[in-house]
Amino acid sequence: MNTTKQVGIDLGSRFVKMALFGGETTQFLRYDTVDFYKRYIIRRPDGISIDTERLGIPEDCAVTATGYGRNLMSFGNASVISEIKAHFRGALRASGKTDFILVDIGGQDSKVIWARDGYIEDFVMNDKCAASTGRFAENASSALGFTLEELGNMKENPADLSTTCAVFCESEIISLMASGTEPERIGAGINMSIAKRLAPLVKSYSAPYIFASGGAAENEAMLWFLSRLVDKEIHPVPEPQFNGALGCLNL
């Protein structure tokens, strides 16, 4: 095992996730993205850097970043790798499998990665529509008055949502509630809607295992629907929110 001190940082649209490896153990930290940029980004005329001292990162620690925010700035004190590579590496290590499909559901996008023989064979990414992202689930649960944890348990008798657009989803939720549809049925319909958007991407590939990462991978009901739509069990990787950060580590 590599004993070099390292930190992997996944600059997500909603949260910044960190995996700090000290040679034997890995520590996980999470920050609100806006707060992270306010408090831990140093802006100078010669460039931008991460305030590792304020974050408590040792000086001799190698820093690697990925995620949505890596495209927004260039860091003077951090290496940068693509989200696809980071999430693939995270799932490869976490699962111990070399042939798999990874479904990563982030706050702003969703992606499906096909791994074969321990390498990335292909991937497809949806960054144009919010209807299969974590932000869609977050907004929908807020409109319903549920927490994300509560939404993740709703799968019974899902209401049929006619719109597939996240922008108009809140209006439809209000209409369904006004018509007397139980909120739990609407919540189940939201989970089914997300699964329906992801299923065609997953069905693009074939592999013996399917794993899920990202915050929405903790939504058990959505994965339950998706598993049935693709006719294969889908299992979250360990620490699914930190998969990208873990994939930044060179272990």
C-alpha atoms as a PDB file:
ATOM      1  CA  MET A   1       0.000   0.000   0.000  1.00  0.00           C
ATOM      2  CA  ASN A   2       1.135   3.535  -0.738  1.00  0.00           C
ATOM      3  CA  THR A   3       1.873   5.224   2.607  1.00  0.00           C
ATOM      4  CA  THR A   4       2.265   8.758   1.199  1.00  0.00           C
ATOM      5  CA  LYS A   5      -0.005  11.325   2.823  1.00  0.00           C
ATOM      6  CA  GLN A   6      -2.654  12.319   0.288  1.00  0.00           C
ATOM      7  CA  VAL A   7      -5.950  14.124   0.038  1.00  0.00           C
ATOM      8  CA  GLY A   8      -8.568  13.672  -2.659  1.00  0.00           C
ATOM      9  CA  ILE A   9     -11.065  16.487  -3.137  1.00  0.00           C
ATOM     10  CA  ASP A  10     -14.298  16.125  -5.093  1.00  0.00           C
ATOM     11  CA  LEU A  11     -15.558  19.640  -5.871  1.00  0.00           C
ATOM     12  CA  GLY A  12     -19.250  18.932  -6.294  1.00  0.00           C
ATOM     13  CA  SER A  13     -21.985  21.429  -7.119  1.00  0.00           C
ATOM     14  CA  ARG A  14     -23.696  20.919  -3.748  1.00  0.00           C
ATOM     15  CA  PHE A  15     -20.950  19.599  -1.489  1.00  0.00           C
ATOM     16  CA  VAL A  16     -17.168  19.392  -1.515  1.00  0.00           C
ATOM     17  CA  LYS A  17     -16.057  15.961  -0.349  1.00  0.00           C
ATOM     18  CA  MET A  18     -12.573  15.176   0.955  1.00  0.00           C
ATOM     19  CA  ALA A  19     -10.794  11.889   1.580  1.00  0.00           C
ATOM     20  CA  LEU A  20      -7.662  12.434   3.685  1.00  0.00           C
ATOM     21  CA  PHE A  21      -5.296   9.454   3.666  1.00  0.00           C
ATOM     22  CA  GLY A  22      -2.643   9.474   6.368  1.00  0.00           C
ATOM     23  CA  GLY A  23      -0.774   6.306   5.487  1.00  0.00           C
ATOM     24  CA  GLU A  24      -2.993   3.811   7.326  1.00  0.00           C
ATOM     25  CA  THR A  25      -6.510   5.230   7.637  1.00  0.00           C
ATOM     26  CA  THR A  26      -8.762   7.477   5.555  1.00  0.00           C
ATOM     27  CA  GLN A  27     -10.715  10.371   7.052  1.00  0.00           C
ATOM     28  CA  PHE A  28     -13.821  11.707   5.295  1.00  0.00           C
ATOM     29  CA  LEU A  29     -14.903  15.358   5.426  1.00  0.00           C
ATOM     30  CA  ARG A  30     -17.747  17.209   3.719  1.00  0.00           C
ATOM     31  CA  TYR A  31     -18.348  20.933   3.213  1.00  0.00           C
ATOM     32  CA  ASP A  32     -21.084  23.020   1.658  1.00  0.00           C
ATOM     33  CA  THR A  33     -19.693  24.061  -1.735  1.00  0.00           C
ATOM     34  CA  VAL A  34     -20.406  27.788  -1.441  1.00  0.00           C
ATOM     35  CA  ASP A  35     -18.965  27.887   2.074  1.00  0.00           C
ATOM     36  CA  PHE A  36     -15.879  25.975   0.902  1.00  0.00           C
ATOM     37  CA  TYR A  37     -15.183  28.465  -1.884  1.00  0.00           C
ATOM     38  CA  LYS A  38     -15.638  31.363   0.529  1.00  0.00           C
ATOM     39  CA  ARG A  39     -13.418  29.992   3.289  1.00  0.00           C
ATOM     40  CA  TYR A  40     -10.840  27.697   1.719  1.00  0.00           C
ATOM     41  CA  ILE A  41      -9.969  29.111  -1.703  1.00  0.00           C
ATOM     42  CA  ILE A  42      -7.103  31.604  -1.908  1.00  0.00           C
ATOM     43  CA  ARG A  43      -7.227  34.038  -4.817  1.00  0.00           C
ATOM     44  CA  ARG A  44      -4.016  35.810  -5.761  1.00  0.00           C
ATOM     45  CA  PRO A  45      -2.852  37.653  -8.905  1.00  0.00           C
ATOM     46  CA  ASP A  46      -0.679  34.676  -9.803  1.00  0.00           C
ATOM     47  CA  GLY A  47      -3.487  32.144  -9.512  1.00  0.00           C
ATOM     48  CA  ILE A  48      -5.847  30.197  -7.274  1.00  0.00           C
ATOM     49  CA  SER A  49      -4.964  27.673  -4.621  1.00  0.00           C
ATOM     50  CA  ILE A  50      -6.651  25.604  -1.926  1.00  0.00           C
ATOM     51  CA  ASP A  51      -5.986  26.851   1.612  1.00  0.00           C
ATOM     52  CA  THR A  52      -4.560  23.561   2.845  1.00  0.00           C
ATOM     53  CA  GLU A  53      -3.352  25.116   6.106  1.00  0.00           C
ATOM     54  CA  ARG A  54      -6.815  26.277   7.083  1.00  0.00           C
ATOM     55  CA  LEU A  55      -8.238  22.901   6.110  1.00  0.00           C
ATOM     56  CA  GLY A  56      -5.714  21.204   8.377  1.00  0.00           C
ATOM     57  CA  ILE A  57      -3.982  19.377   5.525  1.00  0.00           C
ATOM     58  CA  PRO A  58      -0.294  18.626   6.279  1.00  0.00           C
ATOM     59  CA  GLU A  59       2.274  20.474   4.137  1.00  0.00           C
ATOM     60  CA  ASP A  60       3.735  17.217   2.824  1.00  0.00           C
ATOM     61  CA  CYS A  61       0.340  15.953   1.672  1.00  0.00           C
ATOM     62  CA  ALA A  62      -0.248  15.483  -2.083  1.00  0.00           C
ATOM     63  CA  VAL A  63      -3.534  17.085  -3.192  1.00  0.00           C
ATOM     64  CA  THR A  64      -5.619  15.859  -6.136  1.00  0.00           C
ATOM     65  CA  ALA A  65      -8.945  17.393  -7.129  1.00  0.00           C
ATOM     66  CA  THR A  66     -11.838  16.351  -9.337  1.00  0.00           C
ATOM     67  CA  GLY A  67     -15.520  17.116  -9.727  1.00  0.00           C
ATOM     68  CA  TYR A  68     -17.779  19.777 -11.136  1.00  0.00           C
ATOM     69  CA  GLY A  69     -15.631  22.609  -9.791  1.00  0.00           C
ATOM     70  CA  ARG A  70     -12.387  21.453 -11.346  1.00  0.00           C
ATOM     71  CA  ASN A  71     -13.501  22.996 -14.643  1.00  0.00           C
ATOM     72  CA  LEU A  72     -14.137  26.370 -13.047  1.00  0.00           C
ATOM     73  CA  MET A  73     -10.619  27.065 -11.825  1.00  0.00           C
ATOM     74  CA  SER A  74      -7.021  25.903 -12.102  1.00  0.00           C
ATOM     75  CA  PHE A  75      -5.312  25.180  -8.809  1.00  0.00           C
ATOM     76  CA  GLY A  76      -1.691  26.051  -8.292  1.00  0.00           C
ATOM     77  CA  ASN A  77      -1.216  23.533  -5.489  1.00  0.00           C
ATOM     78  CA  ALA A  78      -3.313  20.574  -6.635  1.00  0.00           C
ATOM     79  CA  SER A  79      -3.275  18.035  -9.432  1.00  0.00           C
ATOM     80  CA  VAL A  80      -6.533  17.678 -11.339  1.00  0.00           C
ATOM     81  CA  ILE A  81      -8.116  14.554 -12.842  1.00  0.00           C
ATOM     82  CA  SER A  82     -11.413  14.012 -14.649  1.00  0.00           C
ATOM     83  CA  GLU A  83     -14.583  12.951 -12.849  1.00  0.00           C
ATOM     84  CA  ILE A  84     -14.835   9.848 -15.012  1.00  0.00           C
ATOM     85  CA  LYS A  85     -11.361   8.683 -14.036  1.00  0.00           C
ATOM     86  CA  ALA A  86     -11.864   9.503 -10.363  1.00  0.00           C
ATOM     87  CA  HIS A  87     -15.199   7.710 -10.030  1.00  0.00           C
ATOM     88  CA  PHE A  88     -13.963   4.720 -12.006  1.00  0.00           C
ATOM     89  CA  ARG A  89     -10.901   4.377  -9.772  1.00  0.00           C
ATOM     90  CA  GLY A  90     -13.008   4.770  -6.649  1.00  0.00           C
ATOM     91  CA  ALA A  91     -15.404   2.010  -7.685  1.00  0.00           C
ATOM     92  CA  LEU A  92     -12.574  -0.232  -8.906  1.00  0.00           C
ATOM     93  CA  ARG A  93     -10.901  -0.142  -5.497  1.00  0.00           C
ATOM     94  CA  ALA A  94     -14.077  -0.255  -3.429  1.00  0.00           C
ATOM     95  CA  SER A  95     -15.628  -3.200  -5.272  1.00  0.00           C
ATOM     96  CA  GLY A  96     -12.546  -5.231  -6.101  1.00  0.00           C
ATOM     97  CA  LYS A  97     -14.197  -5.995  -9.470  1.00  0.00           C
ATOM     98  CA  THR A  98     -12.729  -5.303 -12.906  1.00  0.00           C
ATOM     99  CA  ASP A  99     -15.910  -5.634 -14.983  1.00  0.00           C
ATOM    100  CA  PHE A 100     -18.809  -3.456 -13.915  1.00  0.00           C
ATOM    101  CA  ILE A 101     -21.135  -0.564 -14.636  1.00  0.00           C
ATOM    102  CA  LEU A 102     -21.016   2.437 -12.325  1.00  0.00           C
ATOM    103  CA  VAL A 103     -23.987   4.785 -12.065  1.00  0.00           C
ATOM    104  CA  ASP A 104     -22.873   8.070 -10.508  1.00  0.00           C
ATOM    105  CA  ILE A 105     -25.672  10.477  -9.595  1.00  0.00           C
ATOM    106  CA  GLY A 106     -24.318  13.896  -8.734  1.00  0.00           C
ATOM    107  CA  GLY A 107     -25.976  17.165  -7.853  1.00  0.00           C
ATOM    108  CA  GLN A 108     -25.727  18.635 -11.357  1.00  0.00           C
ATOM    109  CA  ASP A 109     -25.273  15.616 -13.615  1.00  0.00           C
ATOM    110  CA  SER A 110     -25.428  11.858 -13.828  1.00  0.00           C
ATOM    111  CA  LYS A 111     -22.998   9.549 -15.555  1.00  0.00           C
ATOM    112  CA  VAL A 112     -22.708   5.849 -16.360  1.00  0.00           C
ATOM    113  CA  ILE A 113     -19.243   4.318 -16.670  1.00  0.00           C
ATOM    114  CA  TRP A 114     -18.576   0.922 -18.238  1.00  0.00           C
ATOM    115  CA  ALA A 115     -15.459  -0.831 -16.954  1.00  0.00           C
ATOM    116  CA  ARG A 116     -14.028  -3.938 -18.626  1.00  0.00           C
ATOM    117  CA  ASP A 117     -10.863  -5.808 -17.644  1.00  0.00           C
ATOM    118  CA  GLY A 118      -9.984  -3.075 -15.168  1.00  0.00           C
ATOM    119  CA  TYR A 119     -10.136  -0.212 -17.677  1.00  0.00           C
ATOM    120  CA  ILE A 120     -12.709   2.348 -18.756  1.00  0.00           C
ATOM    121  CA  GLU A 121     -14.320   0.942 -21.871  1.00  0.00           C
ATOM    122  CA  ASP A 122     -16.863   3.714 -22.393  1.00  0.00           C
ATOM    123  CA  PHE A 123     -19.075   6.194 -20.564  1.00  0.00           C
ATOM    124  CA  VAL A 124     -22.160   8.308 -21.131  1.00  0.00           C
ATOM    125  CA  MET A 125     -22.986  11.507 -19.292  1.00  0.00           C
ATOM    126  CA  ASN A 126     -26.177  13.508 -18.787  1.00  0.00           C
ATOM    127  CA  ASP A 127     -25.298  17.093 -17.887  1.00  0.00           C
ATOM    128  CA  LYS A 128     -28.073  18.788 -19.881  1.00  0.00           C
ATOM    129  CA  CYS A 129     -31.158  17.719 -17.917  1.00  0.00           C
ATOM    130  CA  ALA A 130     -31.591  17.933 -14.147  1.00  0.00           C
ATOM    131  CA  ALA A 131     -34.331  15.283 -13.977  1.00  0.00           C
ATOM    132  CA  SER A 132     -31.877  12.470 -13.172  1.00  0.00           C
ATOM    133  CA  THR A 133     -29.733  14.346 -10.654  1.00  0.00           C
ATOM    134  CA  GLY A 134     -29.500  14.747  -6.918  1.00  0.00           C
ATOM    135  CA  ARG A 135     -30.692  18.350  -7.112  1.00  0.00           C
ATOM    136  CA  PHE A 136     -33.957  17.165  -8.690  1.00  0.00           C
ATOM    137  CA  ALA A 137     -34.546  14.797  -5.754  1.00  0.00           C
ATOM    138  CA  GLU A 138     -33.605  17.518  -3.279  1.00  0.00           C
ATOM    139  CA  ASN A 139     -35.999  20.067  -4.780  1.00  0.00           C
ATOM    140  CA  ALA A 140     -38.811  17.535  -5.056  1.00  0.00           C
ATOM    141  CA  SER A 141     -38.456  16.359  -1.457  1.00  0.00           C
ATOM    142  CA  SER A 142     -38.436  19.977  -0.284  1.00  0.00           C
ATOM    143  CA  ALA A 143     -41.654  20.690  -2.205  1.00  0.00           C
ATOM    144  CA  LEU A 144     -43.249  17.651  -0.577  1.00  0.00           C
ATOM    145  CA  GLY A 145     -42.025  18.570   2.898  1.00  0.00           C
ATOM    146  CA  PHE A 146     -39.899  15.410   3.260  1.00  0.00           C
ATOM    147  CA  THR A 147     -36.238  14.930   4.029  1.00  0.00           C
ATOM    148  CA  LEU A 148     -34.089  13.159   1.468  1.00  0.00           C
ATOM    149  CA  GLU A 149     -33.867  10.216   3.863  1.00  0.00           C
ATOM    150  CA  GLU A 150     -37.663   9.980   4.009  1.00  0.00           C
ATOM    151  CA  LEU A 151     -37.941  10.251   0.230  1.00  0.00           C
ATOM    152  CA  GLY A 152     -35.460   7.393  -0.125  1.00  0.00           C
ATOM    153  CA  ASN A 153     -37.898   5.000   1.549  1.00  0.00           C
ATOM    154  CA  MET A 154     -40.898   5.722  -0.690  1.00  0.00           C
ATOM    155  CA  LYS A 155     -41.641   3.131  -3.368  1.00  0.00           C
ATOM    156  CA  GLU A 156     -45.234   1.962  -2.789  1.00  0.00           C
ATOM    157  CA  ASN A 157     -47.865   2.716  -5.441  1.00  0.00           C
ATOM    158  CA  PRO A 158     -45.924   5.499  -7.220  1.00  0.00           C
ATOM    159  CA  ALA A 159     -47.926   8.349  -8.706  1.00  0.00           C
ATOM    160  CA  ASP A 160     -47.514   8.839 -12.431  1.00  0.00           C
ATOM    161  CA  LEU A 161     -45.645  12.063 -13.188  1.00  0.00           C
ATOM    162  CA  SER A 162     -46.446  13.326 -16.665  1.00  0.00           C
ATOM    163  CA  THR A 163     -43.545  15.786 -16.860  1.00  0.00           C
ATOM    164  CA  THR A 164     -39.924  14.707 -17.198  1.00  0.00           C
ATOM    165  CA  CYS A 165     -38.603  18.225 -16.667  1.00  0.00           C
ATOM    166  CA  ALA A 166     -37.224  19.269 -13.286  1.00  0.00           C
ATOM    167  CA  VAL A 167     -38.260  22.872 -13.931  1.00  0.00           C
ATOM    168  CA  PHE A 168     -41.971  22.014 -14.092  1.00  0.00           C
ATOM    169  CA  CYS A 169     -41.892  19.190 -11.551  1.00  0.00           C
ATOM    170  CA  GLU A 170     -42.753  21.384  -8.559  1.00  0.00           C
ATOM    171  CA  SER A 171     -45.892  22.653 -10.289  1.00  0.00           C
ATOM    172  CA  GLU A 172     -46.973  19.090 -10.974  1.00  0.00           C
ATOM    173  CA  ILE A 173     -46.289  18.071  -7.366  1.00  0.00           C
ATOM    174  CA  ILE A 174     -48.527  20.912  -6.159  1.00  0.00           C
ATOM    175  CA  SER A 175     -51.253  19.918  -8.635  1.00  0.00           C
ATOM    176  CA  LEU A 176     -51.127  16.276  -7.518  1.00  0.00           C
ATOM    177  CA  MET A 177     -51.322  17.241  -3.849  1.00  0.00           C
ATOM    178  CA  ALA A 178     -54.239  19.593  -4.571  1.00  0.00           C
ATOM    179  CA  SER A 179     -56.055  16.726  -6.302  1.00  0.00           C
ATOM    180  CA  GLY A 180     -55.731  14.575  -3.174  1.00  0.00           C
ATOM    181  CA  THR A 181     -52.812  12.315  -4.147  1.00  0.00           C
ATOM    182  CA  GLU A 182     -50.974  11.094  -1.057  1.00  0.00           C
ATOM    183  CA  PRO A 183     -47.554  12.744  -0.643  1.00  0.00           C
ATOM    184  CA  GLU A 184     -45.924   9.331  -0.167  1.00  0.00           C
ATOM    185  CA  ARG A 185     -47.236   8.217  -3.573  1.00  0.00           C
ATOM    186  CA  ILE A 186     -45.838  11.384  -5.148  1.00  0.00           C
ATOM    187  CA  GLY A 187     -42.490  10.727  -3.435  1.00  0.00           C
ATOM    188  CA  ALA A 188     -42.473   7.204  -4.873  1.00  0.00           C
ATOM    189  CA  GLY A 189     -43.291   8.693  -8.272  1.00  0.00           C
ATOM    190  CA  ILE A 190     -40.292  11.010  -7.992  1.00  0.00           C
ATOM    191  CA  ASN A 191     -38.017   8.040  -7.303  1.00  0.00           C
ATOM    192  CA  MET A 192     -39.509   6.138 -10.217  1.00  0.00           C
ATOM    193  CA  SER A 193     -39.082   9.171 -12.472  1.00  0.00           C
ATOM    194  CA  ILE A 194     -35.367   9.436 -11.676  1.00  0.00           C
ATOM    195  CA  ALA A 195     -34.914   5.705 -12.265  1.00  0.00           C
ATOM    196  CA  LYS A 196     -36.688   5.916 -15.634  1.00  0.00           C
ATOM    197  CA  ARG A 197     -34.315   8.665 -16.770  1.00  0.00           C
ATOM    198  CA  LEU A 198     -31.265   6.631 -15.758  1.00  0.00           C
ATOM    199  CA  ALA A 199     -32.367   3.220 -17.057  1.00  0.00           C
ATOM    200  CA  PRO A 200     -31.667   3.829 -20.785  1.00  0.00           C
ATOM    201  CA  LEU A 201     -28.133   4.974 -19.943  1.00  0.00           C
ATOM    202  CA  VAL A 202     -27.465   1.851 -17.877  1.00  0.00           C
ATOM    203  CA  LYS A 203     -28.957  -0.402 -20.551  1.00  0.00           C
ATOM    204  CA  SER A 204     -26.415   0.943 -23.038  1.00  0.00           C
ATOM    205  CA  TYR A 205     -23.865  -1.462 -21.541  1.00  0.00           C
ATOM    206  CA  SER A 206     -23.626  -4.994 -20.201  1.00  0.00           C
ATOM    207  CA  ALA A 207     -21.564  -6.136 -17.212  1.00  0.00           C
ATOM    208  CA  PRO A 208     -21.881  -8.708 -14.418  1.00  0.00           C
ATOM    209  CA  TYR A 209     -22.094  -6.041 -11.694  1.00  0.00           C
ATOM    210  CA  ILE A 210     -23.743  -2.633 -11.374  1.00  0.00           C
ATOM    211  CA  PHE A 211     -22.690  -0.215  -8.650  1.00  0.00           C
ATOM    212  CA  ALA A 212     -23.947   3.237  -7.702  1.00  0.00           C
ATOM    213  CA  SER A 213     -22.174   6.269  -6.280  1.00  0.00           C
ATOM    214  CA  GLY A 214     -23.020   9.866  -5.431  1.00  0.00           C
ATOM    215  CA  GLY A 215     -25.348  11.218  -2.783  1.00  0.00           C
ATOM    216  CA  ALA A 216     -28.442   9.862  -4.562  1.00  0.00           C
ATOM    217  CA  ALA A 217     -26.982   6.343  -4.306  1.00  0.00           C
ATOM    218  CA  GLU A 218     -28.251   6.442  -0.716  1.00  0.00           C
ATOM    219  CA  ASN A 219     -31.824   6.649  -2.058  1.00  0.00           C
ATOM    220  CA  GLU A 220     -32.805   2.996  -1.594  1.00  0.00           C
ATOM    221  CA  ALA A 221     -36.195   3.342  -3.284  1.00  0.00           C
ATOM    222  CA  MET A 222     -34.742   4.898  -6.439  1.00  0.00           C
ATOM    223  CA  LEU A 223     -32.153   2.110  -6.719  1.00  0.00           C
ATOM    224  CA  TRP A 224     -34.936  -0.428  -6.138  1.00  0.00           C
ATOM    225  CA  PHE A 225     -36.875   0.985  -9.113  1.00  0.00           C
ATOM    226  CA  LEU A 226     -33.750   1.190 -11.265  1.00  0.00           C
ATOM    227  CA  SER A 227     -32.783  -2.398 -10.451  1.00  0.00           C
ATOM    228  CA  ARG A 228     -36.139  -3.597 -11.714  1.00  0.00           C
ATOM    229  CA  LEU A 229     -36.019  -1.471 -14.840  1.00  0.00           C
ATOM    230  CA  VAL A 230     -32.616  -2.866 -15.870  1.00  0.00           C
ATOM    231  CA  ASP A 231     -33.341  -6.363 -14.451  1.00  0.00           C
ATOM    232  CA  LYS A 232     -30.164  -6.498 -12.358  1.00  0.00           C
ATOM    233  CA  GLU A 233     -29.338  -5.731  -8.743  1.00  0.00           C
ATOM    234  CA  ILE A 234     -27.609  -2.399  -8.138  1.00  0.00           C
ATOM    235  CA  HIS A 235     -25.467  -1.928  -5.043  1.00  0.00           C
ATOM    236  CA  PRO A 236     -24.083   1.345  -3.650  1.00  0.00           C
ATOM    237  CA  VAL A 237     -20.311   1.412  -3.265  1.00  0.00           C
ATOM    238  CA  PRO A 238     -19.043   1.952   0.297  1.00  0.00           C
ATOM    239  CA  GLU A 239     -19.089   5.665   1.180  1.00  0.00           C
ATOM    240  CA  PRO A 240     -20.929   6.522  -2.068  1.00  0.00           C
ATOM    241  CA  GLN A 241     -20.731  10.299  -1.576  1.00  0.00           C
ATOM    242  CA  PHE A 242     -16.943  10.090  -1.279  1.00  0.00           C
ATOM    243  CA  ASN A 243     -16.297   7.757  -4.215  1.00  0.00           C
ATOM    244  CA  GLY A 244     -14.857  10.517  -6.404  1.00  0.00           C
ATOM    245  CA  ALA A 245     -12.605  11.799  -3.624  1.00  0.00           C
ATOM    246  CA  LEU A 246     -11.378   8.263  -2.940  1.00  0.00           C
ATOM    247  CA  GLY A 247     -10.641   7.823  -6.647  1.00  0.00           C
ATOM    248  CA  CYS A 248      -8.264  10.792  -6.458  1.00  0.00           C
ATOM    249  CA  LEU A 249      -6.008   8.901  -4.059  1.00  0.00           C
ATOM    250  CA  ASN A 250      -3.081   6.988  -5.499  1.00  0.00           C
ATOM    251  CA  LEU A 251      -3.284   3.901  -3.277  1.00  0.00           C
END
